[in-house]
Amino acid sequence: MKTCTICKIPKDEGAFYKRSENNTLRAECKKCQTIRSTKWQNKNPEKVKRQRKDFKEKNPLYARNQFLKWRYGLTLEDKQRLLDMQDGKCAICGSTDPQDYRNAWHVDHDHETDEVRGILCLRCNLAIGYLDDSPERAEILAAYLRGWKCGR
């Protein structure tokens, strides 16, 4: 048992974060530290923004991995596995070029269920987005293009 220096409540050791430098327990409990941290972040939004930007620039893979986990429940390894299952190609057009200025493939997901459908190049991902994930719109678009090429 350890007593938090802020709320003065004795708590199990699991209620305290460990210091990274020497693995000892912090003086305030997780709940009190979260409250203090949230207050500081709300008072200092510009510093928080700058710190997050700096961290992302220094740790791009970590930041990307965290985003994928948060947004899609995937790791970078999961995303690569999906791309490998697609033979390194876009699931729609078969391109081996992600066509993105960052050279990044895009995770395609169902916007209603958030279920991941596959990995796409930028153009196919944007096309699906512009079509509002609607197969009907895609069919109408395809019919329009076929009609135009046939000289309607």
Protein backbone atom coordinates (compact mmCIF):
# COMPACT_ATOMS: atom_id res chain seq x y z
CA MET A 1 0.00 0.00 0.00
CA LYS A 2 1.10 3.52 -0.79
CA THR A 3 -0.56 6.82 0.06
CA CYS A 4 -1.07 9.37 -2.70
CA THR A 5 0.48 12.74 -1.87
CA ILE A 6 -2.44 14.59 -3.50
CA CYS A 7 -5.65 12.83 -2.43
CA LYS A 8 -4.05 11.27 0.71
CA ILE A 9 -5.82 7.95 0.07
CA PRO A 10 -3.89 4.71 0.64
CA LYS A 11 -3.96 2.64 -2.57
CA ASP A 12 -2.49 -0.55 -4.04
CA GLU A 13 0.82 -0.08 -5.86
CA GLY A 14 -0.96 -0.76 -9.17
CA ALA A 15 -2.73 2.59 -8.76
CA PHE A 16 0.60 4.42 -9.24
CA TYR A 17 2.70 4.91 -12.37
CA LYS A 18 6.35 3.90 -12.29
CA ARG A 19 9.14 6.34 -13.10
CA SER A 20 10.92 5.34 -16.30
CA GLU A 21 14.36 6.39 -15.08
CA ASN A 22 14.55 4.20 -11.96
CA ASN A 23 11.35 2.09 -11.93
CA THR A 24 10.15 3.50 -8.59
CA LEU A 25 6.55 4.48 -7.95
CA ARG A 26 5.46 8.08 -8.44
CA ALA A 27 4.18 10.05 -5.44
CA GLU A 28 0.70 10.76 -6.84
CA CYS A 29 -1.77 8.10 -7.93
CA LYS A 30 -2.78 7.61 -11.56
CA LYS A 31 -6.14 9.29 -11.02
CA CYS A 32 -4.63 12.43 -9.42
CA GLN A 33 -1.88 12.58 -12.04
CA THR A 34 -4.46 12.36 -14.83
CA ILE A 35 -6.48 15.20 -13.28
CA ARG A 36 -3.35 17.35 -12.89
CA SER A 37 -2.16 16.57 -16.40
CA THR A 38 -5.57 17.34 -17.94
CA LYS A 39 -5.70 20.69 -16.14
CA TRP A 40 -2.22 21.58 -17.38
CA GLN A 41 -3.08 20.55 -20.95
CA ASN A 42 -6.23 22.67 -20.89
CA LYS A 43 -4.24 25.70 -19.64
CA ASN A 44 -1.42 25.18 -22.18
CA PRO A 45 -2.96 24.10 -25.51
CA GLU A 46 -0.20 25.62 -27.64
CA LYS A 47 2.56 23.86 -25.68
CA VAL A 48 0.65 20.58 -25.93
CA LYS A 49 0.23 21.02 -29.69
CA ARG A 50 3.94 21.76 -30.13
CA GLN A 51 4.98 18.82 -27.91
CA ARG A 52 2.76 16.41 -29.85
CA LYS A 53 4.06 17.70 -33.19
CA ASP A 54 7.69 17.40 -32.00
CA PHE A 55 7.06 13.87 -30.72
CA LYS A 56 5.46 12.77 -34.01
CA GLU A 57 8.41 14.19 -35.96
CA LYS A 58 10.95 12.43 -33.74
CA ASN A 59 8.98 9.16 -33.57
CA PRO A 60 7.08 8.79 -36.87
CA LEU A 61 6.74 5.01 -36.77
CA TYR A 62 5.55 5.00 -33.17
CA ALA A 63 3.05 7.80 -33.90
CA ARG A 64 1.78 6.01 -37.01
CA ASN A 65 1.45 2.73 -35.14
CA GLN A 66 -0.51 4.42 -32.34
CA PHE A 67 -2.86 6.02 -34.88
CA LEU A 68 -3.47 2.71 -36.64
CA LYS A 69 -4.20 1.00 -33.32
CA TRP A 70 -6.55 3.78 -32.23
CA ARG A 71 -8.38 4.16 -35.55
CA TYR A 72 -8.48 0.63 -36.98
CA GLY A 73 -7.24 -1.72 -34.25
CA LEU A 74 -4.22 -2.57 -36.44
CA THR A 75 -0.48 -2.44 -35.93
CA LEU A 76 1.98 -1.55 -38.67
CA GLU A 77 2.72 -5.28 -38.89
CA ASP A 78 -0.98 -6.08 -39.36
CA LYS A 79 -1.21 -3.49 -42.14
CA GLN A 80 1.87 -4.96 -43.84
CA ARG A 81 0.40 -8.48 -43.52
CA LEU A 82 -2.79 -7.29 -45.26
CA LEU A 83 -0.74 -5.71 -48.05
CA ASP A 84 1.32 -8.92 -48.37
CA MET A 85 -1.93 -10.94 -48.67
CA GLN A 86 -2.79 -8.63 -51.59
CA ASP A 87 0.65 -9.34 -53.17
CA GLY A 88 1.79 -5.77 -52.43
CA LYS A 89 -0.95 -4.31 -54.63
CA CYS A 90 -3.99 -2.09 -54.22
CA ALA A 91 -7.05 -4.28 -53.51
CA ILE A 92 -9.02 -2.46 -56.23
CA CYS A 93 -6.80 -1.43 -59.15
CA GLY A 94 -3.83 -3.75 -58.55
CA SER A 95 -1.28 -0.92 -58.61
CA THR A 96 2.00 -1.52 -56.80
CA ASP A 97 2.38 2.26 -56.32
CA PRO A 98 0.52 3.77 -53.34
CA GLN A 99 0.42 7.09 -55.29
CA ASP A 100 0.78 9.02 -52.04
CA TYR A 101 3.37 11.75 -51.46
CA ARG A 102 4.41 9.91 -48.28
CA ASN A 103 4.55 6.62 -50.19
CA ALA A 104 1.93 5.32 -47.76
CA TRP A 105 -0.81 2.78 -48.45
CA HIS A 106 -4.30 3.57 -47.15
CA VAL A 107 -6.42 1.39 -44.88
CA ASP A 108 -9.89 0.97 -46.38
CA HIS A 109 -12.68 0.45 -43.87
CA ASP A 110 -16.46 0.35 -43.73
CA HIS A 111 -17.55 3.69 -42.29
CA GLU A 112 -20.60 2.17 -40.59
CA THR A 113 -18.94 -0.82 -38.91
CA ASP A 114 -15.27 0.34 -38.94
CA GLU A 115 -14.36 -3.12 -40.25
CA VAL A 116 -11.14 -3.07 -42.28
CA ARG A 117 -11.73 -4.18 -45.89
CA GLY A 118 -8.24 -3.95 -47.35
CA ILE A 119 -5.30 -1.77 -48.33
CA LEU A 120 -5.71 0.74 -51.17
CA CYS A 121 -3.70 3.23 -53.16
CA LEU A 122 -4.55 6.90 -52.65
CA ARG A 123 -6.64 7.22 -55.81
CA CYS A 124 -8.86 4.22 -55.08
CA ASN A 125 -9.27 5.28 -51.46
CA LEU A 126 -10.34 8.78 -52.54
CA ALA A 127 -12.69 7.38 -55.18
CA ILE A 128 -14.48 5.21 -52.63
CA GLY A 129 -14.75 8.21 -50.33
CA TYR A 130 -16.19 10.43 -53.07
CA LEU A 131 -18.71 7.70 -53.84
CA ASP A 132 -19.74 7.59 -50.15
CA ASP A 133 -18.93 3.85 -50.05
CA SER A 134 -21.98 3.29 -52.30
CA PRO A 135 -21.83 0.33 -54.72
CA GLU A 136 -24.86 1.81 -56.48
CA ARG A 137 -23.01 5.07 -57.17
CA ALA A 138 -19.99 3.11 -58.37
CA GLU A 139 -22.19 1.14 -60.80
CA ILE A 140 -23.84 4.33 -62.10
CA LEU A 141 -20.41 5.90 -62.56
CA ALA A 142 -19.11 2.83 -64.40
CA ALA A 143 -22.18 2.78 -66.66
CA TYR A 144 -21.71 6.47 -67.41
CA LEU A 145 -18.07 5.96 -68.37
CA ARG A 146 -18.88 2.89 -70.50
CA GLY A 147 -21.64 4.82 -72.28
CA TRP A 148 -19.34 7.75 -72.92
CA LYS A 149 -16.65 5.53 -74.43
CA CYS A 150 -19.19 3.72 -76.60
CA GLY A 151 -20.23 7.03 -78.16
CA ARG A 152 -23.75 7.14 -76.75
